[in-house]
N, C-alpha and C. Protein backbone atom coordinates (compact mmCIF):
# COMPACT_ATOMS: atom_id res chain seq x y z
N MET A 1 -8.00 2.00 44.58
CA MET A 1 -9.26 1.25 44.65
C MET A 1 -10.15 1.66 43.48
N ASN A 2 -10.62 0.65 42.70
CA ASN A 2 -11.54 0.98 41.61
C ASN A 2 -12.97 1.00 42.13
N VAL A 3 -13.91 1.36 41.24
CA VAL A 3 -15.29 1.53 41.67
C VAL A 3 -15.87 0.21 42.18
N THR A 4 -15.59 -0.89 41.49
CA THR A 4 -16.11 -2.19 41.92
C THR A 4 -15.64 -2.53 43.33
N GLU A 5 -14.36 -2.30 43.59
CA GLU A 5 -13.82 -2.58 44.93
C GLU A 5 -14.48 -1.70 45.98
N ALA A 6 -14.72 -0.44 45.64
CA ALA A 6 -15.36 0.47 46.58
C ALA A 6 -16.78 0.01 46.90
N VAL A 7 -17.54 -0.40 45.86
CA VAL A 7 -18.91 -0.84 46.07
C VAL A 7 -18.95 -2.09 46.94
N LYS A 8 -18.09 -3.06 46.63
CA LYS A 8 -18.14 -4.33 47.34
C LYS A 8 -17.58 -4.25 48.76
N SER A 9 -16.70 -3.30 49.01
CA SER A 9 -16.11 -3.20 50.36
C SER A 9 -16.87 -2.23 51.24
N ARG A 10 -17.78 -1.45 50.65
CA ARG A 10 -18.61 -0.55 51.47
C ARG A 10 -19.64 -1.37 52.22
N ARG A 11 -19.75 -1.10 53.49
CA ARG A 11 -20.77 -1.71 54.31
C ARG A 11 -21.11 -0.75 55.44
N SER A 12 -22.21 -0.99 56.12
CA SER A 12 -22.58 -0.15 57.26
C SER A 12 -21.70 -0.53 58.44
N VAL A 13 -20.73 0.31 58.73
CA VAL A 13 -19.78 0.06 59.81
C VAL A 13 -20.38 0.59 61.11
N ARG A 14 -20.39 -0.27 62.12
CA ARG A 14 -21.01 0.09 63.40
C ARG A 14 -20.05 -0.02 64.57
N ASP A 15 -18.77 0.05 64.27
CA ASP A 15 -17.76 0.14 65.32
C ASP A 15 -16.52 0.78 64.70
N PHE A 16 -16.19 1.99 65.15
CA PHE A 16 -15.10 2.76 64.57
C PHE A 16 -13.93 2.86 65.52
N SER A 17 -12.74 3.00 64.95
CA SER A 17 -11.56 3.30 65.76
C SER A 17 -11.60 4.77 66.15
N ASP A 18 -10.73 5.17 67.08
CA ASP A 18 -10.70 6.56 67.50
C ASP A 18 -9.72 7.39 66.67
N ARG A 19 -9.27 6.84 65.56
CA ARG A 19 -8.35 7.56 64.67
C ARG A 19 -9.04 8.79 64.09
N ALA A 20 -8.40 9.94 64.19
CA ALA A 20 -8.98 11.19 63.69
C ALA A 20 -9.03 11.17 62.16
N VAL A 21 -9.97 11.92 61.62
CA VAL A 21 -10.13 12.06 60.17
C VAL A 21 -9.69 13.45 59.77
N ASP A 22 -8.77 13.51 58.83
CA ASP A 22 -8.18 14.78 58.40
C ASP A 22 -9.21 15.62 57.63
N LEU A 23 -9.25 16.91 57.94
CA LEU A 23 -10.20 17.81 57.28
C LEU A 23 -9.99 17.84 55.77
N GLU A 24 -8.75 17.86 55.33
CA GLU A 24 -8.50 17.95 53.88
C GLU A 24 -9.03 16.71 53.15
N THR A 25 -8.98 15.56 53.81
CA THR A 25 -9.54 14.35 53.20
C THR A 25 -11.05 14.50 53.03
N ILE A 26 -11.72 14.97 54.08
CA ILE A 26 -13.17 15.17 54.00
C ILE A 26 -13.52 16.22 52.95
N ARG A 27 -12.77 17.31 52.91
CA ARG A 27 -13.04 18.35 51.90
C ARG A 27 -12.86 17.80 50.49
N ARG A 28 -11.84 16.96 50.29
CA ARG A 28 -11.60 16.39 48.96
C ARG A 28 -12.76 15.50 48.54
N VAL A 29 -13.24 14.67 49.46
CA VAL A 29 -14.39 13.80 49.17
C VAL A 29 -15.62 14.63 48.83
N MET A 30 -15.91 15.62 49.65
CA MET A 30 -17.12 16.41 49.45
C MET A 30 -17.04 17.25 48.18
N ASP A 31 -15.86 17.72 47.86
CA ASP A 31 -15.70 18.52 46.64
C ASP A 31 -15.94 17.67 45.40
N THR A 32 -15.44 16.44 45.41
CA THR A 32 -15.66 15.55 44.27
C THR A 32 -17.12 15.13 44.18
N ALA A 33 -17.75 14.90 45.32
CA ALA A 33 -19.14 14.43 45.34
C ALA A 33 -20.11 15.45 44.76
N ARG A 34 -19.69 16.71 44.62
CA ARG A 34 -20.56 17.71 44.01
C ARG A 34 -21.00 17.33 42.60
N TRP A 35 -20.24 16.43 41.98
CA TRP A 35 -20.52 16.04 40.59
C TRP A 35 -21.47 14.86 40.49
N ALA A 36 -22.09 14.48 41.60
CA ALA A 36 -23.12 13.43 41.56
C ALA A 36 -24.28 13.88 40.68
N ALA A 37 -24.98 12.90 40.11
CA ALA A 37 -26.12 13.21 39.23
C ALA A 37 -27.18 14.00 39.98
N SER A 38 -27.81 14.93 39.24
CA SER A 38 -28.85 15.75 39.85
C SER A 38 -29.86 16.16 38.79
N GLY A 39 -31.08 15.63 38.91
CA GLY A 39 -32.13 15.95 37.96
C GLY A 39 -32.39 17.45 37.90
N CYS A 40 -32.45 17.99 36.69
CA CYS A 40 -32.69 19.43 36.47
C CYS A 40 -31.61 20.30 37.09
N ASN A 41 -30.51 19.68 37.53
CA ASN A 41 -29.40 20.40 38.15
C ASN A 41 -29.82 21.14 39.42
N TYR A 42 -30.84 20.62 40.13
CA TYR A 42 -31.28 21.28 41.36
C TYR A 42 -30.26 21.20 42.48
N GLN A 43 -29.50 20.08 42.51
CA GLN A 43 -28.52 19.87 43.58
C GLN A 43 -29.15 20.18 44.95
N PRO A 44 -30.16 19.41 45.35
CA PRO A 44 -30.97 19.76 46.52
C PRO A 44 -30.29 19.55 47.87
N TRP A 45 -29.25 18.75 47.91
CA TRP A 45 -28.65 18.35 49.17
C TRP A 45 -27.90 19.50 49.86
N GLU A 46 -27.96 19.51 51.16
CA GLU A 46 -27.14 20.39 52.00
C GLU A 46 -26.67 19.56 53.18
N ALA A 47 -25.58 19.97 53.80
CA ALA A 47 -25.03 19.18 54.90
C ALA A 47 -24.18 20.03 55.82
N SER A 48 -24.07 19.57 57.05
CA SER A 48 -23.08 20.05 58.01
C SER A 48 -22.30 18.83 58.48
N ILE A 49 -20.99 19.00 58.65
CA ILE A 49 -20.13 17.88 59.04
C ILE A 49 -19.43 18.26 60.34
N LEU A 50 -19.62 17.43 61.36
CA LEU A 50 -19.16 17.75 62.71
C LEU A 50 -18.09 16.76 63.17
N THR A 51 -17.17 17.27 63.97
CA THR A 51 -16.21 16.44 64.66
C THR A 51 -15.84 17.12 65.97
N GLY A 52 -15.07 16.47 66.81
CA GLY A 52 -14.57 17.10 68.03
C GLY A 52 -15.65 17.59 68.96
N GLN A 53 -15.45 18.79 69.52
CA GLN A 53 -16.37 19.31 70.53
C GLN A 53 -17.77 19.57 70.00
N PRO A 54 -17.93 20.13 68.79
CA PRO A 54 -19.30 20.31 68.28
C PRO A 54 -20.07 18.99 68.19
N LEU A 55 -19.39 17.92 67.77
CA LEU A 55 -20.06 16.63 67.70
C LEU A 55 -20.44 16.13 69.10
N ALA A 56 -19.53 16.27 70.04
CA ALA A 56 -19.82 15.86 71.42
C ALA A 56 -20.98 16.67 72.00
N ASP A 57 -21.01 17.95 71.69
CA ASP A 57 -22.09 18.80 72.20
C ASP A 57 -23.44 18.40 71.62
N LEU A 58 -23.48 18.10 70.34
CA LEU A 58 -24.73 17.65 69.72
C LEU A 58 -25.20 16.34 70.33
N GLN A 59 -24.28 15.41 70.50
CA GLN A 59 -24.65 14.11 71.06
C GLN A 59 -25.18 14.25 72.48
N ALA A 60 -24.60 15.16 73.25
CA ALA A 60 -25.09 15.41 74.61
C ALA A 60 -26.49 16.00 74.58
N ARG A 61 -26.73 16.89 73.63
CA ARG A 61 -28.05 17.50 73.52
C ARG A 61 -29.09 16.48 73.08
N MET A 62 -28.72 15.60 72.16
CA MET A 62 -29.64 14.55 71.73
C MET A 62 -30.00 13.65 72.90
N ALA A 63 -29.01 13.29 73.70
CA ALA A 63 -29.27 12.44 74.86
C ALA A 63 -30.21 13.13 75.85
N ALA A 64 -30.04 14.43 76.00
CA ALA A 64 -30.88 15.18 76.94
C ALA A 64 -32.29 15.36 76.41
N ASP A 65 -32.43 15.63 75.12
CA ASP A 65 -33.75 15.92 74.53
C ASP A 65 -34.57 14.66 74.31
N GLY A 66 -33.91 13.56 73.94
CA GLY A 66 -34.63 12.34 73.60
C GLY A 66 -35.23 12.41 72.20
N PRO A 67 -35.70 11.27 71.69
CA PRO A 67 -36.26 11.22 70.34
C PRO A 67 -37.50 12.09 70.19
N GLN A 68 -37.71 12.56 68.97
CA GLN A 68 -38.88 13.36 68.62
C GLN A 68 -39.67 12.65 67.53
N ALA A 69 -40.78 13.22 67.16
CA ALA A 69 -41.61 12.62 66.12
C ALA A 69 -40.85 12.64 64.79
N ALA A 70 -40.77 11.47 64.15
CA ALA A 70 -40.11 11.39 62.85
C ALA A 70 -40.92 12.13 61.80
N GLU A 71 -40.23 12.76 60.87
CA GLU A 71 -40.89 13.55 59.84
C GLU A 71 -41.15 12.76 58.56
N TYR A 72 -40.65 11.55 58.50
CA TYR A 72 -40.96 10.67 57.38
C TYR A 72 -40.82 9.22 57.86
N ASP A 73 -41.40 8.31 57.12
CA ASP A 73 -41.49 6.91 57.54
C ASP A 73 -40.55 6.05 56.71
N TRP A 74 -39.57 5.43 57.36
CA TRP A 74 -38.67 4.52 56.64
C TRP A 74 -38.99 3.05 56.94
N THR A 75 -40.08 2.79 57.66
CA THR A 75 -40.41 1.42 58.05
C THR A 75 -41.52 0.80 57.21
N ALA A 76 -42.16 1.59 56.32
CA ALA A 76 -43.33 1.11 55.58
C ALA A 76 -43.10 -0.19 54.82
N PRO A 77 -41.93 -0.43 54.19
CA PRO A 77 -41.76 -1.68 53.46
C PRO A 77 -41.97 -2.93 54.31
N GLY A 78 -41.83 -2.82 55.62
CA GLY A 78 -42.03 -3.97 56.50
C GLY A 78 -43.45 -4.50 56.51
N GLN A 79 -44.37 -3.79 55.87
CA GLN A 79 -45.75 -4.27 55.77
C GLN A 79 -45.86 -5.47 54.83
N GLU A 80 -44.88 -5.65 53.93
CA GLU A 80 -44.86 -6.80 53.03
C GLU A 80 -43.84 -7.80 53.52
N ASP A 81 -44.21 -9.09 53.48
CA ASP A 81 -43.41 -10.13 54.10
C ASP A 81 -42.00 -10.23 53.50
N ALA A 82 -41.88 -10.08 52.18
CA ALA A 82 -40.57 -10.23 51.55
C ALA A 82 -39.57 -9.22 52.10
N TYR A 83 -40.03 -7.98 52.27
CA TYR A 83 -39.15 -6.94 52.78
C TYR A 83 -38.89 -7.13 54.27
N LYS A 84 -39.91 -7.56 54.99
CA LYS A 84 -39.75 -7.80 56.42
C LYS A 84 -38.72 -8.89 56.66
N GLN A 85 -38.73 -9.93 55.82
CA GLN A 85 -37.76 -11.01 55.98
C GLN A 85 -36.33 -10.52 55.75
N ARG A 86 -36.15 -9.61 54.79
CA ARG A 86 -34.81 -9.07 54.55
C ARG A 86 -34.32 -8.31 55.77
N LEU A 87 -35.21 -7.52 56.37
CA LEU A 87 -34.85 -6.82 57.60
C LEU A 87 -34.51 -7.80 58.71
N ASN A 88 -35.34 -8.83 58.86
CA ASN A 88 -35.11 -9.80 59.94
C ASN A 88 -33.78 -10.53 59.77
N ARG A 89 -33.41 -10.82 58.52
CA ARG A 89 -32.16 -11.55 58.29
C ARG A 89 -30.94 -10.70 58.63
N VAL A 90 -30.97 -9.42 58.23
CA VAL A 90 -29.82 -8.58 58.56
C VAL A 90 -29.78 -8.29 60.06
N SER A 91 -30.94 -8.17 60.69
CA SER A 91 -30.98 -7.98 62.14
C SER A 91 -30.40 -9.19 62.86
N ALA A 92 -30.76 -10.39 62.37
CA ALA A 92 -30.22 -11.61 62.98
C ALA A 92 -28.71 -11.66 62.86
N GLY A 93 -28.18 -11.27 61.71
CA GLY A 93 -26.73 -11.25 61.52
C GLY A 93 -26.05 -10.25 62.42
N MET A 94 -26.65 -9.08 62.53
CA MET A 94 -26.05 -8.01 63.32
C MET A 94 -26.06 -8.36 64.81
N PHE A 95 -27.24 -8.74 65.34
CA PHE A 95 -27.31 -9.07 66.76
C PHE A 95 -26.58 -10.36 67.08
N GLY A 96 -26.56 -11.29 66.13
CA GLY A 96 -25.80 -12.51 66.33
C GLY A 96 -24.32 -12.22 66.47
N ALA A 97 -23.80 -11.28 65.66
CA ALA A 97 -22.39 -10.91 65.75
C ALA A 97 -22.07 -10.30 67.10
N LEU A 98 -23.07 -9.65 67.70
CA LEU A 98 -22.88 -9.05 69.02
C LEU A 98 -23.14 -10.03 70.16
N GLY A 99 -23.58 -11.24 69.82
CA GLY A 99 -23.87 -12.24 70.83
C GLY A 99 -25.13 -11.94 71.62
N ILE A 100 -26.08 -11.25 70.99
CA ILE A 100 -27.33 -10.87 71.66
C ILE A 100 -28.45 -11.79 71.21
N GLU A 101 -29.09 -12.45 72.15
CA GLU A 101 -30.19 -13.36 71.85
C GLU A 101 -31.43 -12.58 71.38
N ARG A 102 -32.24 -13.26 70.59
CA ARG A 102 -33.43 -12.62 70.03
C ARG A 102 -34.36 -12.06 71.11
N GLY A 103 -34.49 -12.77 72.21
CA GLY A 103 -35.40 -12.34 73.25
C GLY A 103 -34.83 -11.34 74.24
N ASP A 104 -33.58 -10.97 74.08
CA ASP A 104 -32.93 -10.06 75.02
C ASP A 104 -33.21 -8.62 74.60
N THR A 105 -34.40 -8.15 74.93
CA THR A 105 -34.84 -6.82 74.49
C THR A 105 -33.95 -5.72 75.04
N GLU A 106 -33.56 -5.84 76.28
CA GLU A 106 -32.73 -4.80 76.91
C GLU A 106 -31.40 -4.64 76.18
N ALA A 107 -30.75 -5.76 75.87
CA ALA A 107 -29.46 -5.70 75.18
C ALA A 107 -29.62 -5.16 73.76
N ARG A 108 -30.72 -5.52 73.11
CA ARG A 108 -30.97 -5.01 71.76
C ARG A 108 -31.17 -3.50 71.77
N MET A 109 -31.93 -3.01 72.73
CA MET A 109 -32.17 -1.57 72.82
C MET A 109 -30.87 -0.82 73.13
N LYS A 110 -30.03 -1.42 73.97
CA LYS A 110 -28.75 -0.80 74.30
C LYS A 110 -27.86 -0.73 73.05
N ALA A 111 -27.87 -1.80 72.26
CA ALA A 111 -27.07 -1.79 71.03
C ALA A 111 -27.59 -0.74 70.05
N MET A 112 -28.91 -0.64 69.91
CA MET A 112 -29.49 0.33 69.00
C MET A 112 -29.23 1.76 69.47
N ALA A 113 -29.12 1.95 70.78
CA ALA A 113 -28.88 3.29 71.33
C ALA A 113 -27.52 3.84 70.91
N ARG A 114 -26.61 2.97 70.47
CA ARG A 114 -25.30 3.44 70.02
C ARG A 114 -25.42 4.30 68.77
N ASN A 115 -26.59 4.26 68.11
CA ASN A 115 -26.83 5.17 67.00
C ASN A 115 -26.65 6.63 67.44
N THR A 116 -27.03 6.91 68.69
CA THR A 116 -26.99 8.29 69.18
C THR A 116 -25.58 8.86 69.13
N THR A 117 -24.58 8.01 69.36
CA THR A 117 -23.19 8.45 69.30
C THR A 117 -22.51 7.98 68.02
N SER A 118 -23.33 7.62 67.02
CA SER A 118 -22.82 7.22 65.69
C SER A 118 -21.75 6.14 65.79
N PHE A 119 -21.95 5.21 66.74
CA PHE A 119 -21.09 4.03 66.88
C PHE A 119 -19.63 4.39 67.13
N GLY A 120 -19.41 5.54 67.74
CA GLY A 120 -18.04 5.95 68.04
C GLY A 120 -17.31 6.59 66.88
N ALA A 121 -17.99 6.90 65.79
CA ALA A 121 -17.35 7.55 64.65
C ALA A 121 -16.88 8.94 65.04
N PRO A 122 -15.71 9.36 64.59
CA PRO A 122 -15.20 10.69 64.95
C PRO A 122 -15.80 11.83 64.12
N VAL A 123 -16.55 11.47 63.08
CA VAL A 123 -17.14 12.48 62.19
C VAL A 123 -18.59 12.11 61.92
N LEU A 124 -19.46 13.11 61.88
CA LEU A 124 -20.86 12.90 61.54
C LEU A 124 -21.29 13.92 60.50
N LEU A 125 -21.77 13.42 59.37
CA LEU A 125 -22.39 14.26 58.35
C LEU A 125 -23.89 14.29 58.61
N LEU A 126 -24.47 15.46 58.64
CA LEU A 126 -25.91 15.62 58.78
C LEU A 126 -26.46 16.20 57.48
N CYS A 127 -27.36 15.47 56.86
CA CYS A 127 -27.91 15.86 55.56
C CYS A 127 -29.33 16.39 55.73
N TYR A 128 -29.61 17.50 55.08
CA TYR A 128 -30.94 18.11 55.16
C TYR A 128 -31.21 18.84 53.84
N PHE A 129 -32.45 19.22 53.62
CA PHE A 129 -32.81 19.97 52.41
C PHE A 129 -34.12 20.71 52.63
N PRO A 130 -34.43 21.68 51.79
CA PRO A 130 -35.69 22.40 51.93
C PRO A 130 -36.89 21.46 51.76
N ARG A 131 -37.94 21.72 52.50
CA ARG A 131 -39.12 20.87 52.49
C ARG A 131 -39.82 20.85 51.13
N LEU A 132 -39.57 21.85 50.30
CA LEU A 132 -40.22 21.86 48.98
C LEU A 132 -39.69 20.77 48.06
N MET A 133 -38.57 20.14 48.42
CA MET A 133 -38.03 19.04 47.62
C MET A 133 -38.93 17.82 47.74
N LYS A 134 -39.23 17.19 46.59
CA LYS A 134 -40.13 16.05 46.56
C LYS A 134 -39.35 14.76 46.24
N GLU A 135 -40.11 13.71 45.87
CA GLU A 135 -39.51 12.37 45.75
C GLU A 135 -38.31 12.34 44.81
N ALA A 136 -38.39 13.04 43.68
CA ALA A 136 -37.27 13.02 42.72
C ALA A 136 -36.01 13.59 43.35
N GLN A 137 -36.16 14.64 44.14
CA GLN A 137 -35.00 15.26 44.77
C GLN A 137 -34.48 14.42 45.94
N TRP A 138 -35.37 13.68 46.60
CA TRP A 138 -34.91 12.73 47.62
C TRP A 138 -34.02 11.68 46.96
N SER A 139 -34.43 11.24 45.78
CA SER A 139 -33.63 10.26 45.04
C SER A 139 -32.26 10.83 44.69
N ASP A 140 -32.24 12.07 44.22
CA ASP A 140 -30.97 12.71 43.90
C ASP A 140 -30.08 12.82 45.14
N THR A 141 -30.67 13.13 46.27
CA THR A 141 -29.90 13.23 47.51
C THR A 141 -29.31 11.88 47.89
N GLY A 142 -30.07 10.82 47.66
CA GLY A 142 -29.56 9.47 47.90
C GLY A 142 -28.37 9.15 47.01
N MET A 143 -28.43 9.58 45.74
CA MET A 143 -27.30 9.34 44.84
C MET A 143 -26.07 10.11 45.30
N TRP A 144 -26.28 11.31 45.80
CA TRP A 144 -25.16 12.10 46.32
C TRP A 144 -24.56 11.43 47.55
N LEU A 145 -25.40 10.96 48.45
CA LEU A 145 -24.90 10.29 49.65
C LEU A 145 -24.12 9.02 49.31
N GLN A 146 -24.62 8.24 48.34
CA GLN A 146 -23.89 7.04 47.91
C GLN A 146 -22.55 7.42 47.28
N THR A 147 -22.53 8.49 46.53
CA THR A 147 -21.28 8.97 45.94
C THR A 147 -20.29 9.32 47.04
N VAL A 148 -20.76 10.01 48.08
CA VAL A 148 -19.90 10.33 49.21
C VAL A 148 -19.35 9.05 49.84
N ALA A 149 -20.21 8.07 50.06
CA ALA A 149 -19.78 6.82 50.71
C ALA A 149 -18.71 6.10 49.89
N LEU A 150 -18.86 6.07 48.57
CA LEU A 150 -17.88 5.38 47.73
C LEU A 150 -16.56 6.15 47.67
N LEU A 151 -16.63 7.46 47.65
CA LEU A 151 -15.40 8.26 47.67
C LEU A 151 -14.68 8.10 49.01
N LEU A 152 -15.44 7.95 50.09
CA LEU A 152 -14.81 7.68 51.39
C LEU A 152 -14.05 6.37 51.35
N ARG A 153 -14.63 5.34 50.71
CA ARG A 153 -13.92 4.06 50.61
C ARG A 153 -12.62 4.22 49.82
N GLU A 154 -12.66 5.03 48.78
CA GLU A 154 -11.44 5.28 48.00
C GLU A 154 -10.33 5.86 48.88
N GLU A 155 -10.73 6.62 49.88
CA GLU A 155 -9.77 7.22 50.81
C GLU A 155 -9.42 6.30 51.98
N GLY A 156 -10.00 5.09 51.99
CA GLY A 156 -9.74 4.15 53.08
C GLY A 156 -10.64 4.36 54.28
N LEU A 157 -11.66 5.21 54.12
CA LEU A 157 -12.59 5.50 55.21
C LEU A 157 -13.86 4.67 55.08
N ASP A 158 -14.64 4.66 56.14
CA ASP A 158 -15.88 3.91 56.17
C ASP A 158 -17.01 4.80 56.65
N SER A 159 -18.23 4.28 56.54
CA SER A 159 -19.40 5.09 56.89
C SER A 159 -20.56 4.20 57.30
N CYS A 160 -21.57 4.84 57.85
CA CYS A 160 -22.83 4.18 58.14
C CYS A 160 -23.94 5.20 57.95
N PHE A 161 -24.85 4.93 57.02
CA PHE A 161 -26.00 5.81 56.84
C PHE A 161 -26.90 5.71 58.07
N GLN A 162 -27.37 6.85 58.56
CA GLN A 162 -28.15 6.87 59.79
C GLN A 162 -29.47 7.61 59.61
N GLU A 163 -30.49 6.89 59.13
CA GLU A 163 -31.83 7.46 59.13
C GLU A 163 -32.29 7.73 60.56
N PHE A 164 -31.64 7.08 61.51
CA PHE A 164 -31.91 7.28 62.93
C PHE A 164 -31.91 8.76 63.30
N MET A 165 -31.06 9.55 62.64
CA MET A 165 -30.99 10.97 62.96
C MET A 165 -32.29 11.70 62.64
N GLY A 166 -33.13 11.07 61.81
CA GLY A 166 -34.44 11.63 61.53
C GLY A 166 -35.36 11.63 62.74
N LEU A 167 -34.94 10.96 63.83
CA LEU A 167 -35.72 10.97 65.06
C LEU A 167 -35.38 12.16 65.96
N TYR A 168 -34.43 12.99 65.51
CA TYR A 168 -34.01 14.15 66.30
C TYR A 168 -34.05 15.43 65.46
N PRO A 169 -35.10 15.64 64.68
CA PRO A 169 -35.09 16.79 63.76
C PRO A 169 -35.05 18.14 64.45
N LYS A 170 -35.83 18.29 65.53
CA LYS A 170 -35.87 19.58 66.22
C LYS A 170 -34.52 19.87 66.87
N THR A 171 -33.96 18.88 67.55
CA THR A 171 -32.66 19.06 68.20
C THR A 171 -31.60 19.45 67.19
N ILE A 172 -31.56 18.75 66.06
CA ILE A 172 -30.53 19.01 65.05
C ILE A 172 -30.71 20.38 64.42
N ARG A 173 -31.95 20.73 64.09
CA ARG A 173 -32.17 22.06 63.50
C ARG A 173 -31.79 23.16 64.48
N ASP A 174 -32.18 23.00 65.74
CA ASP A 174 -31.80 24.00 66.74
C ASP A 174 -30.28 24.12 66.84
N PHE A 175 -29.62 22.98 66.88
CA PHE A 175 -28.16 22.99 67.06
C PHE A 175 -27.46 23.65 65.88
N LEU A 176 -27.94 23.38 64.67
CA LEU A 176 -27.31 23.91 63.46
C LEU A 176 -27.83 25.29 63.07
N GLY A 177 -28.85 25.77 63.76
CA GLY A 177 -29.42 27.07 63.43
C GLY A 177 -30.23 27.06 62.14
N LEU A 178 -30.90 25.94 61.87
CA LEU A 178 -31.70 25.81 60.64
C LEU A 178 -33.14 26.25 60.90
N ASP A 179 -33.75 26.83 59.90
CA ASP A 179 -35.15 27.25 59.97
C ASP A 179 -36.05 26.02 60.04
N HIS A 180 -36.84 25.90 61.10
CA HIS A 180 -37.68 24.72 61.29
C HIS A 180 -38.74 24.60 60.21
N ASP A 181 -39.24 25.71 59.73
CA ASP A 181 -40.28 25.66 58.70
C ASP A 181 -39.71 25.31 57.32
N ARG A 182 -38.48 25.68 57.09
CA ARG A 182 -37.90 25.48 55.75
C ARG A 182 -37.25 24.11 55.59
N TYR A 183 -36.56 23.62 56.62
CA TYR A 183 -35.69 22.46 56.42
C TYR A 183 -36.22 21.17 57.02
N MET A 184 -36.02 20.08 56.28
CA MET A 184 -36.24 18.73 56.78
C MET A 184 -34.88 18.07 57.02
N VAL A 185 -34.72 17.46 58.17
CA VAL A 185 -33.51 16.67 58.44
C VAL A 185 -33.71 15.30 57.80
N PHE A 186 -32.84 14.93 56.89
CA PHE A 186 -33.00 13.69 56.13
C PHE A 186 -32.31 12.51 56.82
N CYS A 187 -31.02 12.63 57.09
CA CYS A 187 -30.30 11.51 57.70
C CYS A 187 -28.93 11.98 58.18
N GLY A 188 -28.25 11.09 58.83
CA GLY A 188 -26.86 11.30 59.18
C GLY A 188 -25.98 10.29 58.47
N MET A 189 -24.69 10.52 58.51
CA MET A 189 -23.73 9.54 58.02
C MET A 189 -22.53 9.54 58.96
N ALA A 190 -22.36 8.44 59.69
CA ALA A 190 -21.19 8.28 60.54
C ALA A 190 -19.97 8.01 59.65
N ILE A 191 -18.87 8.68 59.93
CA ILE A 191 -17.67 8.58 59.09
C ILE A 191 -16.44 8.37 59.97
N GLY A 192 -15.59 7.45 59.55
CA GLY A 192 -14.35 7.20 60.26
C GLY A 192 -13.66 5.97 59.71
N TYR A 193 -12.73 5.44 60.48
CA TYR A 193 -12.00 4.23 60.11
C TYR A 193 -12.57 3.06 60.90
N ARG A 194 -12.95 2.00 60.21
CA ARG A 194 -13.56 0.87 60.90
C ARG A 194 -12.58 0.15 61.82
N ASP A 195 -13.11 -0.43 62.87
CA ASP A 195 -12.36 -1.37 63.69
C ASP A 195 -12.44 -2.70 62.95
N PRO A 196 -11.33 -3.17 62.35
CA PRO A 196 -11.40 -4.37 61.51
C PRO A 196 -11.67 -5.65 62.29
N ASP A 197 -11.47 -5.61 63.60
CA ASP A 197 -11.65 -6.82 64.41
C ASP A 197 -13.02 -6.90 65.07
N ALA A 198 -13.82 -5.86 64.97
CA ALA A 198 -15.12 -5.85 65.62
C ALA A 198 -16.07 -6.82 64.92
N PRO A 199 -16.68 -7.77 65.62
CA PRO A 199 -17.60 -8.72 64.99
C PRO A 199 -18.73 -8.05 64.23
N ILE A 200 -19.21 -6.90 64.73
CA ILE A 200 -20.32 -6.22 64.08
C ILE A 200 -19.95 -5.72 62.69
N ASN A 201 -18.66 -5.60 62.41
CA ASN A 201 -18.19 -5.16 61.10
C ASN A 201 -17.84 -6.31 60.17
N ASN A 202 -18.11 -7.54 60.61
CA ASN A 202 -17.64 -8.69 59.84
C ASN A 202 -18.69 -9.77 59.59
N PHE A 203 -19.92 -9.59 60.08
CA PHE A 203 -20.90 -10.63 59.83
C PHE A 203 -21.28 -10.66 58.35
N GLU A 204 -21.69 -11.84 57.89
CA GLU A 204 -22.02 -12.02 56.47
C GLU A 204 -23.31 -11.28 56.13
N ARG A 205 -23.24 -10.48 55.08
CA ARG A 205 -24.43 -9.81 54.57
C ARG A 205 -24.96 -10.59 53.38
N GLU A 206 -26.18 -10.29 52.99
CA GLU A 206 -26.73 -10.95 51.80
C GLU A 206 -27.40 -9.91 50.93
N ARG A 207 -27.53 -10.23 49.66
CA ARG A 207 -28.27 -9.42 48.72
C ARG A 207 -29.17 -10.32 47.90
N VAL A 208 -30.28 -9.78 47.46
CA VAL A 208 -31.22 -10.53 46.64
C VAL A 208 -30.53 -10.93 45.32
N PRO A 209 -30.74 -12.17 44.83
CA PRO A 209 -30.15 -12.57 43.55
C PRO A 209 -30.53 -11.60 42.43
N LEU A 210 -29.60 -11.36 41.54
CA LEU A 210 -29.79 -10.38 40.47
C LEU A 210 -31.08 -10.59 39.70
N ASP A 211 -31.36 -11.83 39.30
CA ASP A 211 -32.51 -12.09 38.43
C ASP A 211 -33.85 -11.94 39.14
N GLU A 212 -33.84 -11.79 40.46
CA GLU A 212 -35.08 -11.50 41.17
C GLU A 212 -35.45 -10.02 41.09
N GLN A 213 -34.47 -9.20 40.77
CA GLN A 213 -34.70 -7.76 40.78
C GLN A 213 -34.58 -7.08 39.43
N VAL A 214 -33.85 -7.70 38.52
CA VAL A 214 -33.56 -7.05 37.24
C VAL A 214 -33.93 -7.97 36.09
N LYS A 215 -34.66 -7.44 35.11
CA LYS A 215 -35.00 -8.16 33.90
C LYS A 215 -34.18 -7.61 32.74
N PHE A 216 -33.72 -8.51 31.89
CA PHE A 216 -32.93 -8.11 30.71
C PHE A 216 -33.74 -8.46 29.47
N LEU A 217 -34.07 -7.47 28.70
CA LEU A 217 -34.93 -7.67 27.52
C LEU A 217 -34.18 -7.29 26.25
N GLY A 218 -34.37 -8.09 25.20
CA GLY A 218 -33.80 -7.76 23.90
C GLY A 218 -32.53 -8.50 23.56
N TRP A 219 -31.97 -9.25 24.52
CA TRP A 219 -30.78 -10.07 24.22
C TRP A 219 -31.24 -11.49 23.89
N ASP A 220 -30.57 -12.10 22.91
CA ASP A 220 -30.89 -13.48 22.54
C ASP A 220 -30.23 -14.45 23.51
């Protein structure tokens, strides 16, 4: 698989098979991802990767503790109509694939609750970093996470970025033994093999046309 194929075939997978993921495959991906770009060579990202009983134990603790106060806001773009419409369109595609009507609040909440178990993924990456890291280092962490996701595709694996895990910072820090004052929980990444027949993995996605986002200057 070349880079273009990896980029175009990567999507947020929300229904995984129960096929186990080999440790050596994950180690190979993570070892290569160390070479992601990093401003000033800070390499701010840190992670723990769980499977099996540790993952089940964390999920049980999250269910028992319930959501906590989020430490950062990922919803702010919804204040502008253009961004809100993009969210609404992908939500319509996702819930439509599940056969859930717009007004069915209970079914929507139940579907969203599957975030807690990472949609059945057998592996969960939890990403965190010291609180002293600022916007530039958050950007670097995002580049590292995208690098991980593309390398997973090269291995035939899939993923789903989960900012949702930012709603469980205390639970996750306690579980991993992280210093609450030092570390911020950034996100999770569900990892596994997609269920190719699941409607939620096959609805049509959209992207903004190139010329709406990028200007090319200096070419005749």
